[in-house]
Amino acid sequence: MAGQYNSAFALVKQLALAVGPAVGGPLGASLPGPYVVTFFLFSLGISVLAVRLGRQLSVVQDQPWRAKGSLVVARGSVEPVGVEA
């Protein structure tokens, strides 16, 4: 499953890098008003989607360090090795 998620993320990222400038450049240069509105609407839509999907996560999915047998090594800030407090 992790490999599928990583490959899906890589695909979306590469598509955005390839298609974004090709579409956004001419649109921003010729129609700056609609460009800003489109950018705002897409950003708002992605934010709403993220919040809605985030509410569907279980506690373990949202905070993996709480799982028994978790493979999370560390969370938060870590002091550098060799620094004494």
PDB file of N, CA and C in Angstrom:
ATOM      1  N   MET A   1       0.825  -1.194   0.000  1.00  0.00           N
ATOM      2  CA  MET A   1       0.000   0.000   0.000  1.00  0.00           C
ATOM      3  C   MET A   1       0.876   1.269   0.000  1.00  0.00           C
ATOM      4  N   ALA A   2       1.960   1.236   0.759  1.00  0.00           N
ATOM      5  CA  ALA A   2       2.811   2.418   0.830  1.00  0.00           C
ATOM      6  C   ALA A   2       3.403   2.741  -0.544  1.00  0.00           C
ATOM      7  N   GLY A   3       3.769   1.720  -1.290  1.00  0.00           N
ATOM      8  CA  GLY A   3       4.306   1.939  -2.634  1.00  0.00           C
ATOM      9  C   GLY A   3       3.285   2.558  -3.565  1.00  0.00           C
ATOM     10  N   GLN A   4       2.038   2.123  -3.441  1.00  0.00           N
ATOM     11  CA  GLN A   4       0.973   2.689  -4.279  1.00  0.00           C
ATOM     12  C   GLN A   4       0.748   4.155  -3.930  1.00  0.00           C
ATOM     13  N   TYR A   5       0.737   4.478  -2.642  1.00  0.00           N
ATOM     14  CA  TYR A   5       0.557   5.876  -2.242  1.00  0.00           C
ATOM     15  C   TYR A   5       1.722   6.736  -2.717  1.00  0.00           C
ATOM     16  N   ASN A   6       2.936   6.215  -2.579  1.00  0.00           N
ATOM     17  CA  ASN A   6       4.103   6.972  -3.025  1.00  0.00           C
ATOM     18  C   ASN A   6       4.078   7.203  -4.532  1.00  0.00           C
ATOM     19  N   SER A   7       3.692   6.187  -5.292  1.00  0.00           N
ATOM     20  CA  SER A   7       3.653   6.358  -6.746  1.00  0.00           C
ATOM     21  C   SER A   7       2.533   7.307  -7.152  1.00  0.00           C
ATOM     22  N   ALA A   8       1.386   7.255  -6.464  1.00  0.00           N
ATOM     23  CA  ALA A   8       0.295   8.186  -6.775  1.00  0.00           C
ATOM     24  C   ALA A   8       0.717   9.615  -6.457  1.00  0.00           C
ATOM     25  N   PHE A   9       1.398   9.819  -5.341  1.00  0.00           N
ATOM     26  CA  PHE A   9       1.889  11.150  -4.985  1.00  0.00           C
ATOM     27  C   PHE A   9       2.888  11.655  -6.017  1.00  0.00           C
ATOM     28  N   ALA A  10       3.802  10.796  -6.435  1.00  0.00           N
ATOM     29  CA  ALA A  10       4.805  11.186  -7.427  1.00  0.00           C
ATOM     30  C   ALA A  10       4.138  11.550  -8.756  1.00  0.00           C
ATOM     31  N   LEU A  11       3.111  10.783  -9.147  1.00  0.00           N
ATOM     32  CA  LEU A  11       2.403  11.082 -10.391  1.00  0.00           C
ATOM     33  C   LEU A  11       1.726  12.440 -10.328  1.00  0.00           C
ATOM     34  N   VAL A  12       1.027  12.717  -9.240  1.00  0.00           N
ATOM     35  CA  VAL A  12       0.333  13.999  -9.103  1.00  0.00           C
ATOM     36  C   VAL A  12       1.327  15.149  -9.073  1.00  0.00           C
ATOM     37  N   LYS A  13       2.419  14.946  -8.365  1.00  0.00           N
ATOM     38  CA  LYS A  13       3.435  16.001  -8.279  1.00  0.00           C
ATOM     39  C   LYS A  13       4.037  16.300  -9.653  1.00  0.00           C
ATOM     40  N   GLN A  14       4.377  15.262 -10.397  1.00  0.00           N
ATOM     41  CA  GLN A  14       4.974  15.466 -11.711  1.00  0.00           C
ATOM     42  C   GLN A  14       3.978  16.072 -12.704  1.00  0.00           C
ATOM     43  N   LEU A  15       2.713  15.653 -12.615  1.00  0.00           N
ATOM     44  CA  LEU A  15       1.692  16.264 -13.474  1.00  0.00           C
ATOM     45  C   LEU A  15       1.536  17.742 -13.165  1.00  0.00           C
ATOM     46  N   ALA A  16       1.547  18.090 -11.890  1.00  0.00           N
ATOM     47  CA  ALA A  16       1.426  19.497 -11.508  1.00  0.00           C
ATOM     48  C   ALA A  16       2.613  20.307 -12.026  1.00  0.00           C
ATOM     49  N   LEU A  17       3.813  19.724 -11.935  1.00  0.00           N
ATOM     50  CA  LEU A  17       4.999  20.432 -12.420  1.00  0.00           C
ATOM     51  C   LEU A  17       4.993  20.585 -13.943  1.00  0.00           C
ATOM     52  N   ALA A  18       4.383  19.629 -14.643  1.00  0.00           N
ATOM     53  CA  ALA A  18       4.360  19.686 -16.108  1.00  0.00           C
ATOM     54  C   ALA A  18       3.201  20.533 -16.633  1.00  0.00           C
ATOM     55  N   VAL A  19       2.028  20.358 -16.051  1.00  0.00           N
ATOM     56  CA  VAL A  19       0.829  21.018 -16.568  1.00  0.00           C
ATOM     57  C   VAL A  19       0.657  22.417 -15.987  1.00  0.00           C
ATOM     58  N   GLY A  20       1.052  22.624 -14.733  1.00  0.00           N
ATOM     59  CA  GLY A  20       0.847  23.911 -14.068  1.00  0.00           C
ATOM     60  C   GLY A  20       1.406  25.106 -14.827  1.00  0.00           C
ATOM     61  N   PRO A  21       2.693  25.112 -15.127  1.00  0.00           N
ATOM     62  CA  PRO A  21       3.244  26.261 -15.852  1.00  0.00           C
ATOM     63  C   PRO A  21       2.667  26.409 -17.264  1.00  0.00           C
ATOM     64  N   ALA A  22       2.364  25.291 -17.913  1.00  0.00           N
ATOM     65  CA  ALA A  22       1.826  25.357 -19.280  1.00  0.00           C
ATOM     66  C   ALA A  22       0.444  26.006 -19.306  1.00  0.00           C
ATOM     67  N   VAL A  23      -0.328  25.790 -18.264  1.00  0.00           N
ATOM     68  CA  VAL A  23      -1.673  26.369 -18.203  1.00  0.00           C
ATOM     69  C   VAL A  23      -1.649  27.699 -17.454  1.00  0.00           C
ATOM     70  N   GLY A  24      -0.963  27.749 -16.313  1.00  0.00           N
ATOM     71  CA  GLY A  24      -0.967  28.935 -15.470  1.00  0.00           C
ATOM     72  C   GLY A  24      -0.226  30.115 -16.055  1.00  0.00           C
ATOM     73  N   GLY A  25       0.858  29.871 -16.764  1.00  0.00           N
ATOM     74  CA  GLY A  25       1.631  30.968 -17.360  1.00  0.00           C
ATOM     75  C   GLY A  25       0.817  31.802 -18.332  1.00  0.00           C
ATOM     76  N   PRO A  26       0.281  31.193 -19.392  1.00  0.00           N
ATOM     77  CA  PRO A  26      -0.529  31.969 -20.341  1.00  0.00           C
ATOM     78  C   PRO A  26      -1.795  32.565 -19.705  1.00  0.00           C
ATOM     79  N   LEU A  27      -2.416  31.825 -18.801  1.00  0.00           N
ATOM     80  CA  LEU A  27      -3.625  32.337 -18.154  1.00  0.00           C
ATOM     81  C   LEU A  27      -3.293  33.539 -17.284  1.00  0.00           C
ATOM     82  N   GLY A  28      -2.219  33.465 -16.511  1.00  0.00           N
ATOM     83  CA  GLY A  28      -1.830  34.589 -15.663  1.00  0.00           C
ATOM     84  C   GLY A  28      -1.375  35.794 -16.457  1.00  0.00           C
ATOM     85  N   ALA A  29      -0.753  35.559 -17.613  1.00  0.00           N
ATOM     86  CA  ALA A  29      -0.268  36.675 -18.427  1.00  0.00           C
ATOM     87  C   ALA A  29      -1.402  37.379 -19.165  1.00  0.00           C
ATOM     88  N   SER A  30      -2.393  36.622 -19.608  1.00  0.00           N
ATOM     89  CA  SER A  30      -3.451  37.228 -20.422  1.00  0.00           C
ATOM     90  C   SER A  30      -4.682  37.627 -19.611  1.00  0.00           C
ATOM     91  N   LEU A  31      -4.999  36.868 -18.571  1.00  0.00           N
ATOM     92  CA  LEU A  31      -6.204  37.135 -17.778  1.00  0.00           C
ATOM     93  C   LEU A  31      -5.869  37.090 -16.283  1.00  0.00           C
ATOM     94  N   PRO A  32      -5.234  38.133 -15.742  1.00  0.00           N
ATOM     95  CA  PRO A  32      -4.820  38.053 -14.339  1.00  0.00           C
ATOM     96  C   PRO A  32      -5.995  37.971 -13.351  1.00  0.00           C
ATOM     97  N   GLY A  33      -7.114  38.618 -13.635  1.00  0.00           N
ATOM     98  CA  GLY A  33      -8.268  38.568 -12.732  1.00  0.00           C
ATOM     99  C   GLY A  33      -8.820  37.160 -12.582  1.00  0.00           C
ATOM    100  N   PRO A  34      -9.215  36.517 -13.701  1.00  0.00           N
ATOM    101  CA  PRO A  34      -9.698  35.139 -13.590  1.00  0.00           C
ATOM    102  C   PRO A  34      -8.647  34.172 -13.056  1.00  0.00           C
ATOM    103  N   TYR A  35      -7.384  34.455 -13.295  1.00  0.00           N
ATOM    104  CA  TYR A  35      -6.305  33.598 -12.778  1.00  0.00           C
ATOM    105  C   TYR A  35      -6.307  33.601 -11.255  1.00  0.00           C
ATOM    106  N   VAL A  36      -6.424  34.795 -10.668  1.00  0.00           N
ATOM    107  CA  VAL A  36      -6.425  34.914  -9.210  1.00  0.00           C
ATOM    108  C   VAL A  36      -7.660  34.237  -8.628  1.00  0.00           C
ATOM    109  N   VAL A  37      -8.811  34.440  -9.255  1.00  0.00           N
ATOM    110  CA  VAL A  37     -10.053  33.830  -8.778  1.00  0.00           C
ATOM    111  C   VAL A  37      -9.958  32.305  -8.884  1.00  0.00           C
ATOM    112  N   THR A  38      -9.457  31.796  -9.997  1.00  0.00           N
ATOM    113  CA  THR A  38      -9.311  30.352 -10.181  1.00  0.00           C
ATOM    114  C   THR A  38      -8.346  29.778  -9.146  1.00  0.00           C
ATOM    115  N   PHE A  39      -7.230  30.465  -8.925  1.00  0.00           N
ATOM    116  CA  PHE A  39      -6.252  30.025  -7.927  1.00  0.00           C
ATOM    117  C   PHE A  39      -6.896  29.965  -6.545  1.00  0.00           C
ATOM    118  N   PHE A  40      -7.654  30.999  -6.188  1.00  0.00           N
ATOM    119  CA  PHE A  40      -8.319  31.047  -4.886  1.00  0.00           C
ATOM    120  C   PHE A  40      -9.335  29.916  -4.751  1.00  0.00           C
ATOM    121  N   LEU A  41     -10.147  29.691  -5.786  1.00  0.00           N
ATOM    122  CA  LEU A  41     -11.174  28.651  -5.712  1.00  0.00           C
ATOM    123  C   LEU A  41     -10.559  27.252  -5.600  1.00  0.00           C
ATOM    124  N   PHE A  42      -9.511  26.992  -6.360  1.00  0.00           N
ATOM    125  CA  PHE A  42      -8.845  25.691  -6.262  1.00  0.00           C
ATOM    126  C   PHE A  42      -8.208  25.513  -4.876  1.00  0.00           C
ATOM    127  N   SER A  43      -7.585  26.553  -4.348  1.00  0.00           N
ATOM    128  CA  SER A  43      -6.975  26.474  -3.020  1.00  0.00           C
ATOM    129  C   SER A  43      -8.033  26.234  -1.951  1.00  0.00           C
ATOM    130  N   LEU A  44      -9.146  26.923  -2.056  1.00  0.00           N
ATOM    131  CA  LEU A  44     -10.238  26.737  -1.104  1.00  0.00           C
ATOM    132  C   LEU A  44     -10.807  25.321  -1.203  1.00  0.00           C
ATOM    133  N   GLY A  45     -10.992  24.825  -2.421  1.00  0.00           N
ATOM    134  CA  GLY A  45     -11.516  23.477  -2.618  1.00  0.00           C
ATOM    135  C   GLY A  45     -10.593  22.409  -2.051  1.00  0.00           C
ATOM    136  N   ILE A  46      -9.299  22.562  -2.262  1.00  0.00           N
ATOM    137  CA  ILE A  46      -8.335  21.594  -1.739  1.00  0.00           C
ATOM    138  C   ILE A  46      -8.321  21.640  -0.209  1.00  0.00           C
ATOM    139  N   SER A  47      -8.429  22.834   0.364  1.00  0.00           N
ATOM    140  CA  SER A  47      -8.459  22.955   1.824  1.00  0.00           C
ATOM    141  C   SER A  47      -9.695  22.295   2.415  1.00  0.00           C
ATOM    142  N   VAL A  48     -10.851  22.515   1.803  1.00  0.00           N
ATOM    143  CA  VAL A  48     -12.095  21.894   2.276  1.00  0.00           C
ATOM    144  C   VAL A  48     -11.999  20.377   2.167  1.00  0.00           C
ATOM    145  N   LEU A  49     -11.476  19.892   1.057  1.00  0.00           N
ATOM    146  CA  LEU A  49     -11.314  18.453   0.874  1.00  0.00           C
ATOM    147  C   LEU A  49     -10.377  17.862   1.932  1.00  0.00           C
ATOM    148  N   ALA A  50      -9.280  18.548   2.219  1.00  0.00           N
ATOM    149  CA  ALA A  50      -8.327  18.054   3.221  1.00  0.00           C
ATOM    150  C   ALA A  50      -8.970  17.983   4.602  1.00  0.00           C
ATOM    151  N   VAL A  51      -9.747  18.989   4.960  1.00  0.00           N
ATOM    152  CA  VAL A  51     -10.399  18.984   6.271  1.00  0.00           C
ATOM    153  C   VAL A  51     -11.439  17.866   6.345  1.00  0.00           C
ATOM    154  N   ARG A  52     -12.223  17.698   5.292  1.00  0.00           N
ATOM    155  CA  ARG A  52     -13.247  16.651   5.290  1.00  0.00           C
ATOM    156  C   ARG A  52     -12.623  15.255   5.356  1.00  0.00           C
ATOM    157  N   LEU A  53     -11.575  15.040   4.592  1.00  0.00           N
ATOM    158  CA  LEU A  53     -10.907  13.736   4.621  1.00  0.00           C
ATOM    159  C   LEU A  53     -10.190  13.520   5.950  1.00  0.00           C
ATOM    160  N   GLY A  54      -9.638  14.583   6.533  1.00  0.00           N
ATOM    161  CA  GLY A  54      -8.958  14.468   7.813  1.00  0.00           C
ATOM    162  C   GLY A  54      -9.890  14.040   8.931  1.00  0.00           C
ATOM    163  N   ARG A  55     -11.154  14.430   8.855  1.00  0.00           N
ATOM    164  CA  ARG A  55     -12.131  14.039   9.878  1.00  0.00           C
ATOM    165  C   ARG A  55     -12.459  12.554   9.807  1.00  0.00           C
ATOM    166  N   GLN A  56     -12.206  11.909   8.684  1.00  0.00           N
ATOM    167  CA  GLN A  56     -12.510  10.491   8.527  1.00  0.00           C
ATOM    168  C   GLN A  56     -11.382   9.589   9.027  1.00  0.00           C
ATOM    169  N   LEU A  57     -10.255  10.172   9.392  1.00  0.00           N
ATOM    170  CA  LEU A  57      -9.126   9.383   9.870  1.00  0.00           C
ATOM    171  C   LEU A  57      -9.392   8.877  11.282  1.00  0.00           C
ATOM    172  N   SER A  58      -8.924   7.675  11.542  1.00  0.00           N
ATOM    173  CA  SER A  58      -8.981   7.170  12.911  1.00  0.00           C
ATOM    174  C   SER A  58      -7.851   7.827  13.704  1.00  0.00           C
ATOM    175  N   VAL A  59      -7.877   7.653  15.014  1.00  0.00           N
ATOM    176  CA  VAL A  59      -6.837   8.245  15.861  1.00  0.00           C
ATOM    177  C   VAL A  59      -5.466   7.701  15.481  1.00  0.00           C
ATOM    178  N   VAL A  60      -5.387   6.412  15.219  1.00  0.00           N
ATOM    179  CA  VAL A  60      -4.098   5.794  14.866  1.00  0.00           C
ATOM    180  C   VAL A  60      -3.611   6.297  13.508  1.00  0.00           C
ATOM    181  N   GLN A  61      -4.533   6.514  12.571  1.00  0.00           N
ATOM    182  CA  GLN A  61      -4.121   7.037  11.272  1.00  0.00           C
ATOM    183  C   GLN A  61      -3.646   8.481  11.389  1.00  0.00           C
ATOM    184  N   ASP A  62      -4.298   9.246  12.238  1.00  0.00           N
ATOM    185  CA  ASP A  62      -3.951  10.654  12.390  1.00  0.00           C
ATOM    186  C   ASP A  62      -2.715  10.843  13.263  1.00  0.00           C
ATOM    187  N   GLN A  63      -2.531   9.954  14.247  1.00  0.00           N
ATOM    188  CA  GLN A  63      -1.400  10.045  15.164  1.00  0.00           C
ATOM    189  C   GLN A  63      -0.757   8.659  15.274  1.00  0.00           C
ATOM    190  N   PRO A  64       0.072   8.279  14.304  1.00  0.00           N
ATOM    191  CA  PRO A  64       0.594   6.914  14.242  1.00  0.00           C
ATOM    192  C   PRO A  64       1.461   6.511  15.432  1.00  0.00           C
ATOM    193  N   TRP A  65       2.019   7.461  16.156  1.00  0.00           N
ATOM    194  CA  TRP A  65       2.852   7.107  17.299  1.00  0.00           C
ATOM    195  C   TRP A  65       2.035   6.504  18.439  1.00  0.00           C
ATOM    196  N   ARG A  66       0.706   6.623  18.396  1.00  0.00           N
ATOM    197  CA  ARG A  66      -0.141   6.040  19.440  1.00  0.00           C
ATOM    198  C   ARG A  66      -0.415   4.554  19.209  1.00  0.00           C
ATOM    199  N   ALA A  67      -0.092   4.056  18.034  1.00  0.00           N
ATOM    200  CA  ALA A  67      -0.377   2.654  17.716  1.00  0.00           C
ATOM    201  C   ALA A  67       0.581   1.732  18.450  1.00  0.00           C
ATOM    202  N   LYS A  68       0.073   0.569  18.858  1.00  0.00           N
ATOM    203  CA  LYS A  68       0.942  -0.436  19.468  1.00  0.00           C
ATOM    204  C   LYS A  68       1.842  -1.004  18.380  1.00  0.00           C
ATOM    205  N   GLY A  69       3.096  -1.155  18.681  1.00  0.00           N
ATOM    206  CA  GLY A  69       4.034  -1.681  17.688  1.00  0.00           C
ATOM    207  C   GLY A  69       4.339  -0.683  16.587  1.00  0.00           C
ATOM    208  N   SER A  70       4.173   0.596  16.878  1.00  0.00           N
ATOM    209  CA  SER A  70       4.390   1.640  15.884  1.00  0.00           C
ATOM    210  C   SER A  70       5.845   1.672  15.437  1.00  0.00           C
ATOM    211  N   LEU A  71       6.053   1.957  14.175  1.00  0.00           N
ATOM    212  CA  LEU A  71       7.403   2.074  13.626  1.00  0.00           C
ATOM    213  C   LEU A  71       7.891   3.513  13.624  1.00  0.00           C
ATOM    214  N   VAL A  72       7.106   4.422  14.200  1.00  0.00           N
ATOM    215  CA  VAL A  72       7.518   5.812  14.279  1.00  0.00           C
ATOM    216  C   VAL A  72       8.660   5.904  15.280  1.00  0.00           C
ATOM    217  N   VAL A  73       9.794   6.384  14.846  1.00  0.00           N
ATOM    218  CA  VAL A  73      10.978   6.410  15.685  1.00  0.00           C
ATOM    219  C   VAL A  73      10.963   7.629  16.603  1.00  0.00           C
ATOM    220  N   ALA A  74      10.637   8.793  16.064  1.00  0.00           N
ATOM    221  CA  ALA A  74      10.639  10.016  16.861  1.00  0.00           C
ATOM    222  C   ALA A  74       9.598  10.974  16.311  1.00  0.00           C
ATOM    223  N   ARG A  75       9.149  11.844  17.178  1.00  0.00           N
ATOM    224  CA  ARG A  75       8.240  12.887  16.729  1.00  0.00           C
ATOM    225  C   ARG A  75       8.616  14.163  17.451  1.00  0.00           C
ATOM    226  N   GLY A  76       8.344  15.285  16.843  1.00  0.00           N
ATOM    227  CA  GLY A  76       8.697  16.556  17.456  1.00  0.00           C
ATOM    228  C   GLY A  76      10.161  16.861  17.234  1.00  0.00           C
ATOM    229  N   SER A  77      10.658  17.797  18.029  1.00  0.00           N
ATOM    230  CA  SER A  77      12.059  18.176  17.879  1.00  0.00           C
ATOM    231  C   SER A  77      12.949  17.203  18.633  1.00  0.00           C
ATOM    232  N   VAL A  78      14.119  17.009  18.115  1.00  0.00           N
ATOM    233  CA  VAL A  78      15.080  16.078  18.707  1.00  0.00           C
ATOM    234  C   VAL A  78      16.362  16.858  18.965  1.00  0.00           C
ATOM    235  N   GLU A  79      16.927  16.676  20.146  1.00  0.00           N
ATOM    236  CA  GLU A  79      18.190  17.335  20.447  1.00  0.00           C
ATOM    237  C   GLU A  79      19.327  16.710  19.645  1.00  0.00           C
ATOM    238  N   PRO A  80      20.267  17.508  19.188  1.00  0.00           N
ATOM    239  CA  PRO A  80      21.412  16.957  18.459  1.00  0.00           C
ATOM    240  C   PRO A  80      22.218  16.012  19.341  1.00  0.00           C
ATOM    241  N   VAL A  81      22.806  15.032  18.725  1.00  0.00           N
ATOM    242  CA  VAL A  81      23.620  14.053  19.452  1.00  0.00           C
ATOM    243  C   VAL A  81      24.864  14.748  19.987  1.00  0.00           C
ATOM    244  N   GLY A  82      25.217  14.442  21.238  1.00  0.00           N
ATOM    245  CA  GLY A  82      26.422  15.004  21.829  1.00  0.00           C
ATOM    246  C   GLY A  82      26.201  16.304  22.566  1.00  0.00           C
ATOM    247  N   VAL A  83      24.981  16.832  22.566  1.00  0.00           N
ATOM    248  CA  VAL A  83      24.700  18.082  23.276  1.00  0.00           C
ATOM    249  C   VAL A  83      24.144  17.708  24.637  1.00  0.00           C
ATOM    250  N   GLU A  84      24.794  18.196  25.673  1.00  0.00           N
ATOM    251  CA  GLU A  84      24.336  17.892  27.021  1.00  0.00           C
ATOM    252  C   GLU A  84      23.487  19.026  27.539  1.00  0.00           C
ATOM    253  N   ALA A  85      22.420  18.658  28.231  1.00  0.00           N
ATOM    254  CA  ALA A  85      21.501  19.674  28.768  1.00  0.00           C
ATOM    255  C   ALA A  85      21.917  20.126  30.141  1.00  0.00           C
TER     256      ALA A  85
END
